Amino acid sequence: MRNFKENYSLVRILHAIPEGEEVDVYINGFPFYNDIRFAQFTPYIYVPEGSHIFSVYLKDTKDEPIVEKTVDVKCNELITMPIIINNGKVDLLPIKEEMGVPTGNTSKFKFVHLVPDAPDVNILMDNQQIFSNVKYMDYTEYEELDPKEYKMDIEVAKNNTIALTNKINLNPNKIYTFYAIGKIPNVDIIQTLDGATFLI
């Protein structure tokens, strides 16, 4: 995965529907990835530039997709696409990632709110607020921080109550995304390396 193929991008899927069944994903009627369980990411897969129909089916069925969405993929993009619930219906949320990795012994990260029954949240690192009022299905810009261990607090925005605390590590010259998934009270934070990390 160290070099892009010409006129292709890299796309991966995240199953982010709490208590959701395993699913199979197709692109333009052809298998993309099968047996995706809740909280699982697929590998990044090469997708050619253009408009593509992504169809999600319950595992081992292909009668009726639970969601079907046309996604425009441009050349040389990195995309993570969570499967989510949007207004009571299954949806796909394409999230583009930065192509470059941080230099000069720094790290970058962003936060994605995928907990459907959770309120707006603030994100604090070592008690310093980094992001504020992040809503369900929102994702932040990237923030650059020194590489080290941090205490990450997820705070309810309206009353500043700490809802969840994690110890996390940021390594130098890496780019991360933190995904909040699940349902209250069973919320998890998944820390992943973005695809750009593997392209250098």
N, C-alpha and C. Protein backbone atom coordinates (compact mmCIF):
# COMPACT_ATOMS: atom_id res chain seq x y z
N MET A 1 0.82 -1.21 0.00
CA MET A 1 0.00 0.00 0.00
C MET A 1 0.85 1.26 0.00
N ARG A 2 2.09 1.17 -0.41
CA ARG A 2 2.96 2.33 -0.29
C ARG A 2 2.84 3.31 -1.45
N ASN A 3 2.23 2.90 -2.54
CA ASN A 3 2.07 3.81 -3.67
C ASN A 3 0.67 3.68 -4.25
N PHE A 4 0.09 4.81 -4.58
CA PHE A 4 -1.22 4.79 -5.23
C PHE A 4 -1.08 4.27 -6.65
N LYS A 5 -2.06 3.49 -7.07
CA LYS A 5 -2.17 3.19 -8.48
C LYS A 5 -2.75 4.42 -9.18
N GLU A 6 -2.39 4.59 -10.43
CA GLU A 6 -2.86 5.76 -11.18
C GLU A 6 -4.38 5.74 -11.30
N ASN A 7 -4.99 6.90 -11.01
CA ASN A 7 -6.45 7.09 -11.11
C ASN A 7 -7.25 6.24 -10.13
N TYR A 8 -6.64 5.92 -9.01
CA TYR A 8 -7.33 5.17 -7.96
C TYR A 8 -7.28 5.94 -6.65
N SER A 9 -8.19 5.56 -5.74
CA SER A 9 -8.14 6.02 -4.36
C SER A 9 -8.23 4.80 -3.45
N LEU A 10 -8.06 5.04 -2.15
CA LEU A 10 -8.14 3.96 -1.17
C LEU A 10 -9.33 4.21 -0.26
N VAL A 11 -10.17 3.20 -0.12
CA VAL A 11 -11.42 3.31 0.65
C VAL A 11 -11.50 2.14 1.62
N ARG A 12 -11.95 2.43 2.85
CA ARG A 12 -12.25 1.36 3.80
C ARG A 12 -13.61 1.63 4.44
N ILE A 13 -14.20 0.58 4.97
CA ILE A 13 -15.52 0.64 5.60
C ILE A 13 -15.37 0.39 7.10
N LEU A 14 -16.16 1.09 7.91
CA LEU A 14 -16.27 0.84 9.35
C LEU A 14 -17.72 0.52 9.66
N HIS A 15 -17.96 -0.61 10.32
CA HIS A 15 -19.31 -0.97 10.78
C HIS A 15 -19.53 -0.27 12.12
N ALA A 16 -20.38 0.76 12.14
CA ALA A 16 -20.57 1.58 13.34
C ALA A 16 -22.01 1.59 13.82
N ILE A 17 -22.80 0.57 13.46
CA ILE A 17 -24.18 0.48 13.95
C ILE A 17 -24.20 -0.36 15.22
N PRO A 18 -24.50 0.24 16.37
CA PRO A 18 -24.51 -0.53 17.62
C PRO A 18 -25.48 -1.70 17.53
N GLU A 19 -25.03 -2.86 18.00
CA GLU A 19 -25.85 -4.07 18.02
C GLU A 19 -26.26 -4.51 16.61
N GLY A 20 -25.62 -3.96 15.60
CA GLY A 20 -25.97 -4.32 14.23
C GLY A 20 -25.43 -5.69 13.85
N GLU A 21 -26.14 -6.35 12.94
CA GLU A 21 -25.70 -7.65 12.45
C GLU A 21 -24.49 -7.49 11.52
N GLU A 22 -23.80 -8.61 11.28
CA GLU A 22 -22.71 -8.59 10.32
C GLU A 22 -23.25 -8.28 8.92
N VAL A 23 -22.42 -7.61 8.13
CA VAL A 23 -22.87 -7.17 6.81
C VAL A 23 -21.85 -7.52 5.74
N ASP A 24 -22.32 -7.54 4.51
CA ASP A 24 -21.48 -7.65 3.31
C ASP A 24 -21.64 -6.35 2.53
N VAL A 25 -20.54 -5.87 1.97
CA VAL A 25 -20.57 -4.63 1.19
C VAL A 25 -20.18 -4.94 -0.26
N TYR A 26 -20.96 -4.38 -1.17
CA TYR A 26 -20.71 -4.53 -2.61
C TYR A 26 -20.47 -3.15 -3.22
N ILE A 27 -19.69 -3.13 -4.29
CA ILE A 27 -19.48 -1.91 -5.05
C ILE A 27 -19.85 -2.20 -6.51
N ASN A 28 -20.82 -1.46 -7.01
CA ASN A 28 -21.31 -1.65 -8.38
C ASN A 28 -21.71 -3.11 -8.65
N GLY A 29 -22.25 -3.76 -7.61
CA GLY A 29 -22.72 -5.13 -7.76
C GLY A 29 -21.68 -6.20 -7.53
N PHE A 30 -20.43 -5.81 -7.28
CA PHE A 30 -19.35 -6.77 -7.05
C PHE A 30 -18.92 -6.73 -5.58
N PRO A 31 -18.49 -7.86 -5.03
CA PRO A 31 -18.10 -7.88 -3.61
C PRO A 31 -16.96 -6.91 -3.31
N PHE A 32 -17.14 -6.12 -2.26
CA PHE A 32 -16.10 -5.21 -1.76
C PHE A 32 -15.43 -5.84 -0.55
N TYR A 33 -16.26 -6.25 0.44
CA TYR A 33 -15.75 -6.95 1.63
C TYR A 33 -16.93 -7.60 2.33
N ASN A 34 -16.71 -8.83 2.85
CA ASN A 34 -17.78 -9.60 3.48
C ASN A 34 -17.55 -9.78 4.97
N ASP A 35 -18.64 -10.13 5.66
CA ASP A 35 -18.60 -10.52 7.08
C ASP A 35 -18.02 -9.41 7.96
N ILE A 36 -18.51 -8.19 7.78
CA ILE A 36 -18.02 -7.07 8.58
C ILE A 36 -18.88 -6.96 9.84
N ARG A 37 -18.25 -7.06 10.98
CA ARG A 37 -18.99 -7.01 12.25
C ARG A 37 -18.89 -5.61 12.86
N PHE A 38 -19.72 -5.36 13.87
CA PHE A 38 -19.69 -4.06 14.55
C PHE A 38 -18.29 -3.76 15.07
N ALA A 39 -17.85 -2.53 14.87
CA ALA A 39 -16.55 -1.99 15.30
C ALA A 39 -15.39 -2.47 14.44
N GLN A 40 -15.66 -3.19 13.38
CA GLN A 40 -14.60 -3.68 12.50
C GLN A 40 -14.38 -2.74 11.33
N PHE A 41 -13.10 -2.49 11.03
CA PHE A 41 -12.70 -1.79 9.81
C PHE A 41 -12.29 -2.82 8.77
N THR A 42 -12.65 -2.58 7.53
CA THR A 42 -12.06 -3.36 6.44
C THR A 42 -10.66 -2.82 6.17
N PRO A 43 -9.84 -3.56 5.45
CA PRO A 43 -8.60 -2.95 4.95
C PRO A 43 -8.94 -1.83 3.96
N TYR A 44 -7.96 -0.96 3.71
CA TYR A 44 -8.11 -0.01 2.60
C TYR A 44 -8.06 -0.79 1.29
N ILE A 45 -9.00 -0.50 0.40
CA ILE A 45 -9.11 -1.20 -0.87
C ILE A 45 -9.08 -0.18 -2.00
N TYR A 46 -8.35 -0.50 -3.06
CA TYR A 46 -8.27 0.40 -4.21
C TYR A 46 -9.62 0.50 -4.92
N VAL A 47 -10.05 1.73 -5.15
CA VAL A 47 -11.30 2.01 -5.87
C VAL A 47 -10.96 3.00 -6.99
N PRO A 48 -11.35 2.72 -8.23
CA PRO A 48 -11.02 3.65 -9.32
C PRO A 48 -11.79 4.96 -9.21
N GLU A 49 -11.20 5.98 -9.77
CA GLU A 49 -11.85 7.30 -9.81
C GLU A 49 -13.20 7.19 -10.51
N GLY A 50 -14.21 7.90 -9.97
CA GLY A 50 -15.53 7.91 -10.60
C GLY A 50 -16.65 7.76 -9.58
N SER A 51 -17.88 7.67 -10.07
CA SER A 51 -19.06 7.48 -9.22
C SER A 51 -19.32 5.99 -9.06
N HIS A 52 -19.50 5.56 -7.82
CA HIS A 52 -19.67 4.14 -7.53
C HIS A 52 -20.87 3.93 -6.60
N ILE A 53 -21.60 2.85 -6.84
CA ILE A 53 -22.74 2.50 -5.99
C ILE A 53 -22.25 1.51 -4.93
N PHE A 54 -22.27 1.94 -3.67
CA PHE A 54 -21.95 1.05 -2.55
C PHE A 54 -23.26 0.51 -1.98
N SER A 55 -23.35 -0.81 -1.89
CA SER A 55 -24.55 -1.47 -1.37
C SER A 55 -24.17 -2.30 -0.16
N VAL A 56 -24.96 -2.18 0.91
CA VAL A 56 -24.71 -2.93 2.14
C VAL A 56 -25.86 -3.90 2.35
N TYR A 57 -25.52 -5.17 2.54
CA TYR A 57 -26.50 -6.22 2.77
C TYR A 57 -26.22 -6.90 4.10
N LEU A 58 -27.25 -7.43 4.74
CA LEU A 58 -27.02 -8.32 5.86
C LEU A 58 -26.21 -9.51 5.36
N LYS A 59 -25.37 -10.04 6.23
CA LYS A 59 -24.45 -11.13 5.86
C LYS A 59 -25.18 -12.27 5.15
N ASP A 60 -24.60 -12.71 4.05
CA ASP A 60 -25.08 -13.86 3.28
C ASP A 60 -26.47 -13.66 2.68
N THR A 61 -26.88 -12.41 2.50
CA THR A 61 -28.13 -12.13 1.80
C THR A 61 -27.83 -11.15 0.67
N LYS A 62 -28.63 -11.17 -0.36
CA LYS A 62 -28.43 -10.20 -1.44
C LYS A 62 -29.77 -9.90 -2.11
N ASP A 63 -30.84 -10.00 -1.30
CA ASP A 63 -32.17 -9.71 -1.84
C ASP A 63 -32.44 -8.21 -1.87
N GLU A 64 -32.20 -7.57 -0.73
CA GLU A 64 -32.52 -6.15 -0.59
C GLU A 64 -31.44 -5.49 0.25
N PRO A 65 -30.73 -4.49 -0.28
CA PRO A 65 -29.71 -3.82 0.53
C PRO A 65 -30.33 -3.02 1.67
N ILE A 66 -29.65 -2.98 2.81
CA ILE A 66 -30.12 -2.14 3.91
C ILE A 66 -29.77 -0.68 3.66
N VAL A 67 -28.80 -0.44 2.77
CA VAL A 67 -28.53 0.91 2.30
C VAL A 67 -27.79 0.80 0.97
N GLU A 68 -28.04 1.76 0.11
CA GLU A 68 -27.34 1.85 -1.17
C GLU A 68 -27.05 3.32 -1.41
N LYS A 69 -25.80 3.64 -1.72
CA LYS A 69 -25.42 5.05 -1.84
C LYS A 69 -24.40 5.21 -2.96
N THR A 70 -24.59 6.25 -3.76
CA THR A 70 -23.62 6.59 -4.80
C THR A 70 -22.58 7.53 -4.20
N VAL A 71 -21.32 7.16 -4.34
CA VAL A 71 -20.22 7.93 -3.77
C VAL A 71 -19.28 8.32 -4.90
N ASP A 72 -18.98 9.61 -4.98
CA ASP A 72 -18.02 10.11 -5.97
C ASP A 72 -16.61 10.00 -5.40
N VAL A 73 -15.78 9.24 -6.06
CA VAL A 73 -14.40 9.03 -5.63
C VAL A 73 -13.48 9.74 -6.61
N LYS A 74 -12.67 10.64 -6.09
CA LYS A 74 -11.71 11.34 -6.93
C LYS A 74 -10.36 10.62 -6.87
N CYS A 75 -9.47 11.01 -7.74
CA CYS A 75 -8.16 10.38 -7.82
C CYS A 75 -7.32 10.71 -6.58
N ASN A 76 -6.62 9.72 -6.06
CA ASN A 76 -5.67 9.90 -4.96
C ASN A 76 -6.32 10.45 -3.70
N GLU A 77 -7.42 9.83 -3.29
CA GLU A 77 -8.06 10.17 -2.02
C GLU A 77 -7.94 9.01 -1.05
N LEU A 78 -8.03 9.34 0.22
CA LEU A 78 -8.16 8.35 1.29
C LEU A 78 -9.51 8.58 1.95
N ILE A 79 -10.34 7.53 2.01
CA ILE A 79 -11.70 7.67 2.54
C ILE A 79 -11.99 6.53 3.51
N THR A 80 -12.49 6.88 4.69
CA THR A 80 -13.10 5.90 5.59
C THR A 80 -14.59 6.15 5.57
N MET A 81 -15.38 5.08 5.41
CA MET A 81 -16.82 5.23 5.23
C MET A 81 -17.56 4.41 6.30
N PRO A 82 -17.92 5.03 7.43
CA PRO A 82 -18.69 4.31 8.44
C PRO A 82 -20.12 4.00 7.97
N ILE A 83 -20.60 2.82 8.35
CA ILE A 83 -22.01 2.47 8.21
C ILE A 83 -22.69 2.91 9.49
N ILE A 84 -23.69 3.79 9.39
CA ILE A 84 -24.28 4.43 10.57
C ILE A 84 -25.80 4.40 10.49
N ILE A 85 -26.43 4.89 11.57
CA ILE A 85 -27.86 5.16 11.58
C ILE A 85 -28.07 6.66 11.47
N ASN A 86 -28.85 7.08 10.48
CA ASN A 86 -29.13 8.50 10.24
C ASN A 86 -30.64 8.68 10.16
N ASN A 87 -31.20 9.34 11.18
CA ASN A 87 -32.66 9.54 11.24
C ASN A 87 -33.42 8.22 11.13
N GLY A 88 -32.92 7.22 11.83
CA GLY A 88 -33.60 5.93 11.89
C GLY A 88 -33.33 5.01 10.72
N LYS A 89 -32.53 5.45 9.76
CA LYS A 89 -32.23 4.62 8.59
C LYS A 89 -30.73 4.38 8.49
N VAL A 90 -30.37 3.26 7.89
CA VAL A 90 -28.96 2.95 7.67
C VAL A 90 -28.40 3.89 6.59
N ASP A 91 -27.18 4.37 6.82
CA ASP A 91 -26.57 5.30 5.88
C ASP A 91 -25.07 5.04 5.83
N LEU A 92 -24.42 5.63 4.85
CA LEU A 92 -22.96 5.61 4.73
C LEU A 92 -22.46 7.04 4.84
N LEU A 93 -21.38 7.24 5.59
CA LEU A 93 -20.84 8.58 5.84
C LEU A 93 -19.39 8.65 5.35
N PRO A 94 -19.17 9.05 4.09
CA PRO A 94 -17.79 9.14 3.59
C PRO A 94 -17.02 10.25 4.30
N ILE A 95 -15.86 9.89 4.84
CA ILE A 95 -15.00 10.84 5.55
C ILE A 95 -13.63 10.83 4.88
N LYS A 96 -13.26 11.96 4.29
CA LYS A 96 -11.95 12.04 3.64
C LYS A 96 -10.86 12.28 4.68
N GLU A 97 -9.70 11.70 4.41
CA GLU A 97 -8.56 11.81 5.31
C GLU A 97 -7.48 12.66 4.65
N GLU A 98 -6.65 13.26 5.49
CA GLU A 98 -5.52 14.03 4.97
C GLU A 98 -4.51 13.09 4.32
N MET A 99 -3.87 13.59 3.27
CA MET A 99 -2.90 12.78 2.55
C MET A 99 -1.52 12.81 3.19
N GLY A 100 -1.15 13.94 3.80
CA GLY A 100 0.20 14.07 4.33
C GLY A 100 0.28 13.72 5.80
N VAL A 101 1.45 13.28 6.22
CA VAL A 101 1.67 13.00 7.64
C VAL A 101 2.44 14.17 8.25
N PRO A 102 2.30 14.38 9.57
CA PRO A 102 3.01 15.49 10.20
C PRO A 102 4.51 15.26 10.21
N THR A 103 5.24 16.35 10.19
CA THR A 103 6.70 16.28 10.22
C THR A 103 7.20 17.03 11.45
N GLY A 104 8.50 16.98 11.66
CA GLY A 104 9.08 17.73 12.77
C GLY A 104 8.72 17.20 14.13
N ASN A 105 8.60 15.87 14.25
CA ASN A 105 8.34 15.23 15.54
C ASN A 105 7.01 15.67 16.15
N THR A 106 5.97 15.73 15.34
CA THR A 106 4.63 16.05 15.84
C THR A 106 3.66 14.95 15.40
N SER A 107 2.44 15.02 15.93
CA SER A 107 1.37 14.09 15.57
C SER A 107 0.13 14.89 15.21
N LYS A 108 -0.78 14.24 14.47
CA LYS A 108 -2.07 14.85 14.15
C LYS A 108 -3.18 13.88 14.49
N PHE A 109 -4.34 14.45 14.88
CA PHE A 109 -5.49 13.57 15.09
C PHE A 109 -6.78 14.35 14.86
N LYS A 110 -7.85 13.59 14.56
CA LYS A 110 -9.19 14.16 14.50
C LYS A 110 -10.13 13.22 15.25
N PHE A 111 -11.36 13.70 15.48
CA PHE A 111 -12.35 12.95 16.26
C PHE A 111 -13.64 12.84 15.46
N VAL A 112 -14.25 11.64 15.50
CA VAL A 112 -15.51 11.38 14.79
C VAL A 112 -16.54 10.88 15.80
N HIS A 113 -17.70 11.54 15.86
CA HIS A 113 -18.77 11.22 16.81
C HIS A 113 -19.79 10.32 16.12
N LEU A 114 -19.79 9.03 16.51
CA LEU A 114 -20.69 8.05 15.89
C LEU A 114 -21.55 7.33 16.92
N VAL A 115 -21.88 8.01 18.02
CA VAL A 115 -22.74 7.43 19.06
C VAL A 115 -24.13 8.05 18.91
N PRO A 116 -25.11 7.32 18.37
CA PRO A 116 -26.37 7.95 17.97
C PRO A 116 -27.20 8.53 19.10
N ASP A 117 -27.06 7.99 20.32
CA ASP A 117 -27.88 8.49 21.43
C ASP A 117 -27.08 9.38 22.38
N ALA A 118 -25.91 9.83 21.96
CA ALA A 118 -25.08 10.69 22.80
C ALA A 118 -25.27 12.16 22.42
N PRO A 119 -25.13 13.05 23.39
CA PRO A 119 -25.25 14.49 23.11
C PRO A 119 -24.00 15.03 22.44
N ASP A 120 -24.01 16.33 22.16
CA ASP A 120 -22.81 17.00 21.66
C ASP A 120 -21.71 16.90 22.71
N VAL A 121 -20.47 16.77 22.24
CA VAL A 121 -19.37 16.56 23.18
C VAL A 121 -18.21 17.51 22.89
N ASN A 122 -17.41 17.71 23.94
CA ASN A 122 -16.12 18.38 23.82
C ASN A 122 -15.03 17.32 24.00
N ILE A 123 -13.88 17.55 23.38
CA ILE A 123 -12.74 16.64 23.49
C ILE A 123 -11.60 17.38 24.18
N LEU A 124 -11.12 16.82 25.29
CA LEU A 124 -10.03 17.41 26.05
C LEU A 124 -8.84 16.47 26.05
N MET A 125 -7.66 17.04 25.93
CA MET A 125 -6.42 16.28 26.03
C MET A 125 -5.60 16.88 27.17
N ASP A 126 -5.36 16.06 28.20
CA ASP A 126 -4.68 16.55 29.40
C ASP A 126 -5.34 17.83 29.92
N ASN A 127 -6.66 17.79 29.99
CA ASN A 127 -7.50 18.87 30.53
C ASN A 127 -7.57 20.12 29.67
N GLN A 128 -6.99 20.09 28.50
CA GLN A 128 -7.07 21.22 27.57
C GLN A 128 -8.10 20.90 26.48
N GLN A 129 -9.08 21.78 26.30
CA GLN A 129 -10.11 21.54 25.29
C GLN A 129 -9.52 21.72 23.89
N ILE A 130 -9.67 20.66 23.09
CA ILE A 130 -9.16 20.68 21.71
C ILE A 130 -10.29 20.89 20.71
N PHE A 131 -11.41 20.18 20.91
CA PHE A 131 -12.58 20.31 20.04
C PHE A 131 -13.81 20.56 20.90
N SER A 132 -14.76 21.32 20.37
CA SER A 132 -15.96 21.64 21.15
C SER A 132 -17.22 21.40 20.31
N ASN A 133 -18.29 21.02 21.03
CA ASN A 133 -19.63 20.88 20.44
C ASN A 133 -19.64 19.99 19.19
N VAL A 134 -19.03 18.82 19.33
CA VAL A 134 -19.03 17.86 18.22
C VAL A 134 -20.33 17.07 18.28
N LYS A 135 -21.12 17.15 17.23
CA LYS A 135 -22.43 16.50 17.17
C LYS A 135 -22.32 15.09 16.57
N TYR A 136 -23.38 14.32 16.78
CA TYR A 136 -23.45 13.00 16.15
C TYR A 136 -23.30 13.14 14.63
N MET A 137 -22.47 12.31 14.06
CA MET A 137 -22.12 12.28 12.63
C MET A 137 -21.16 13.39 12.23
N ASP A 138 -20.74 14.23 13.17
CA ASP A 138 -19.75 15.26 12.86
C ASP A 138 -18.35 14.68 12.97
N TYR A 139 -17.43 15.26 12.23
CA TYR A 139 -16.01 14.93 12.40
C TYR A 139 -15.23 16.23 12.34
N THR A 140 -14.18 16.29 13.14
CA THR A 140 -13.43 17.53 13.31
C THR A 140 -12.36 17.68 12.23
N GLU A 141 -11.75 18.85 12.23
CA GLU A 141 -10.51 19.02 11.49
C GLU A 141 -9.39 18.33 12.27
N TYR A 142 -8.22 18.25 11.66
CA TYR A 142 -7.08 17.67 12.35
C TYR A 142 -6.44 18.70 13.28
N GLU A 143 -5.95 18.21 14.40
CA GLU A 143 -5.21 19.04 15.35
C GLU A 143 -3.82 18.45 15.52
N GLU A 144 -2.83 19.31 15.57
CA GLU A 144 -1.44 18.87 15.72
C GLU A 144 -1.04 18.96 17.19
N LEU A 145 -0.45 17.88 17.71
CA LEU A 145 -0.02 17.83 19.10
C LEU A 145 1.35 17.18 19.19
N ASP A 146 2.02 17.42 20.33
CA ASP A 146 3.29 16.74 20.58
C ASP A 146 3.03 15.25 20.80
N PRO A 147 3.92 14.40 20.32
CA PRO A 147 3.75 12.97 20.53
C PRO A 147 4.08 12.58 21.98
N LYS A 148 3.11 11.97 22.65
CA LYS A 148 3.30 11.50 24.03
C LYS A 148 2.01 10.82 24.47
N GLU A 149 1.97 10.37 25.73
CA GLU A 149 0.73 9.82 26.28
C GLU A 149 -0.15 10.97 26.78
N TYR A 150 -1.45 10.87 26.51
CA TYR A 150 -2.41 11.88 26.94
C TYR A 150 -3.57 11.22 27.68
N LYS A 151 -4.22 12.01 28.50
CA LYS A 151 -5.52 11.65 29.06
C LYS A 151 -6.57 12.32 28.19
N MET A 152 -7.33 11.51 27.47
CA MET A 152 -8.40 12.05 26.62
C MET A 152 -9.71 11.97 27.37
N ASP A 153 -10.37 13.11 27.54
CA ASP A 153 -11.69 13.16 28.18
C ASP A 153 -12.74 13.52 27.14
N ILE A 154 -13.83 12.76 27.14
CA ILE A 154 -15.01 13.09 26.34
C ILE A 154 -16.00 13.75 27.29
N GLU A 155 -16.33 14.99 27.03
CA GLU A 155 -17.11 15.82 27.95
C GLU A 155 -18.44 16.20 27.31
N VAL A 156 -19.53 16.06 28.07
CA VAL A 156 -20.84 16.51 27.60
C VAL A 156 -20.79 18.03 27.46
N ALA A 157 -21.07 18.53 26.27
CA ALA A 157 -20.86 19.95 25.98
C ALA A 157 -21.76 20.86 26.81
N LYS A 158 -23.00 20.45 27.05
CA LYS A 158 -23.95 21.37 27.69
C LYS A 158 -23.70 21.58 29.17
N ASN A 159 -23.02 20.62 29.83
CA ASN A 159 -22.80 20.79 31.27
C ASN A 159 -21.39 20.47 31.72
N ASN A 160 -20.49 20.19 30.78
CA ASN A 160 -19.07 19.92 31.07
C ASN A 160 -18.84 18.72 31.99
N THR A 161 -19.76 17.77 31.95
CA THR A 161 -19.59 16.53 32.70
C THR A 161 -18.72 15.57 31.90
N ILE A 162 -17.73 14.97 32.56
CA ILE A 162 -16.88 13.99 31.89
C ILE A 162 -17.65 12.69 31.73
N ALA A 163 -17.83 12.26 30.48
CA ALA A 163 -18.57 11.03 30.19
C ALA A 163 -17.66 9.83 30.03
N LEU A 164 -16.44 10.05 29.57
CA LEU A 164 -15.54 8.94 29.29
C LEU A 164 -14.11 9.46 29.32
N THR A 165 -13.21 8.66 29.88
CA THR A 165 -11.80 9.00 29.94
C THR A 165 -10.97 7.84 29.40
N ASN A 166 -10.02 8.15 28.55
CA ASN A 166 -9.11 7.14 27.99
C ASN A 166 -7.68 7.63 28.09
N LYS A 167 -6.76 6.70 28.29
CA LYS A 167 -5.34 7.00 28.13
C LYS A 167 -4.96 6.64 26.70
N ILE A 168 -4.37 7.58 25.99
CA ILE A 168 -4.02 7.32 24.59
C ILE A 168 -2.57 7.75 24.34
N ASN A 169 -1.97 7.14 23.34
CA ASN A 169 -0.61 7.49 22.94
C ASN A 169 -0.60 8.03 21.52
N LEU A 170 0.08 9.15 21.33
CA LEU A 170 0.32 9.69 20.00
C LEU A 170 1.81 9.55 19.70
N ASN A 171 2.12 8.88 18.60
CA ASN A 171 3.51 8.68 18.21
C ASN A 171 3.94 9.72 17.18
N PRO A 172 5.24 10.00 17.12
CA PRO A 172 5.71 11.06 16.21
C PRO A 172 5.48 10.71 14.75
N ASN A 173 5.13 11.75 13.98
CA ASN A 173 4.96 11.65 12.52
C ASN A 173 3.89 10.63 12.13
N LYS A 174 2.83 10.57 12.96
CA LYS A 174 1.68 9.71 12.67
C LYS A 174 0.42 10.56 12.64
N ILE A 175 -0.59 10.07 11.90
CA ILE A 175 -1.86 10.77 11.80
C ILE A 175 -2.97 9.79 12.19
N TYR A 176 -3.81 10.21 13.14
CA TYR A 176 -4.79 9.33 13.76
C TYR A 176 -6.21 9.87 13.60
N THR A 177 -7.17 8.96 13.69
CA THR A 177 -8.56 9.34 13.90
C THR A 177 -9.09 8.53 15.07
N PHE A 178 -9.83 9.23 15.95
CA PHE A 178 -10.51 8.59 17.07
C PHE A 178 -12.00 8.54 16.76
N TYR A 179 -12.55 7.34 16.76
CA TYR A 179 -13.97 7.13 16.48
C TYR A 179 -14.69 6.74 17.76
N ALA A 180 -15.68 7.54 18.17
CA ALA A 180 -16.55 7.16 19.28
C ALA A 180 -17.71 6.37 18.71
N ILE A 181 -17.87 5.11 19.17
CA ILE A 181 -18.93 4.25 18.64
C ILE A 181 -19.66 3.57 19.80
N GLY A 182 -20.82 3.00 19.51
CA GLY A 182 -21.61 2.28 20.51
C GLY A 182 -22.86 3.04 20.88
N LYS A 183 -23.44 2.64 22.01
CA LYS A 183 -24.60 3.32 22.58
C LYS A 183 -24.36 3.47 24.07
N ILE A 184 -24.91 4.54 24.64
CA ILE A 184 -24.78 4.76 26.08
C ILE A 184 -25.43 3.59 26.83
N PRO A 185 -24.81 2.97 27.85
CA PRO A 185 -23.53 3.35 28.45
C PRO A 185 -22.32 2.63 27.85
N ASN A 186 -22.52 1.86 26.80
CA ASN A 186 -21.42 1.05 26.24
C ASN A 186 -20.78 1.76 25.06
N VAL A 187 -20.03 2.80 25.38
CA VAL A 187 -19.36 3.61 24.36
C VAL A 187 -17.87 3.28 24.37
N ASP A 188 -17.32 3.09 23.19
CA ASP A 188 -15.88 2.82 23.04
C ASP A 188 -15.26 3.89 22.15
N ILE A 189 -13.98 4.13 22.38
CA ILE A 189 -13.19 5.00 21.52
C ILE A 189 -12.18 4.12 20.78
N ILE A 190 -12.27 4.12 19.45
CA ILE A 190 -11.34 3.36 18.63
C ILE A 190 -10.29 4.32 18.08
N GLN A 191 -9.03 4.04 18.37
CA GLN A 191 -7.93 4.83 17.84
C GLN A 191 -7.34 4.11 16.63
N THR A 192 -7.34 4.77 15.48
CA THR A 192 -6.80 4.15 14.27
C THR A 192 -5.78 5.07 13.61
N LEU A 193 -4.84 4.46 12.94
CA LEU A 193 -3.93 5.20 12.08
C LEU A 193 -4.60 5.45 10.74
N ASP A 194 -4.55 6.69 10.27
CA ASP A 194 -5.09 7.00 8.95
C ASP A 194 -4.19 6.39 7.86
N GLY A 195 -4.78 6.24 6.67
CA GLY A 195 -4.07 5.59 5.58
C GLY A 195 -2.78 6.27 5.17
N ALA A 196 -2.70 7.59 5.34
CA ALA A 196 -1.49 8.31 4.93
C ALA A 196 -0.26 7.80 5.66
N THR A 197 -0.45 7.29 6.87
CA THR A 197 0.67 6.77 7.66
C THR A 197 1.38 5.64 6.92
N PHE A 198 0.62 4.87 6.15
CA PHE A 198 1.19 3.69 5.49
C PHE A 198 1.71 3.99 4.09
N LEU A 199 1.53 5.23 3.64
CA LEU A 199 1.94 5.58 2.28
C LEU A 199 3.33 6.17 2.22
N ILE A 200 3.91 6.45 3.39
CA ILE A 200 5.24 7.08 3.39
C ILE A 200 6.32 6.04 3.22
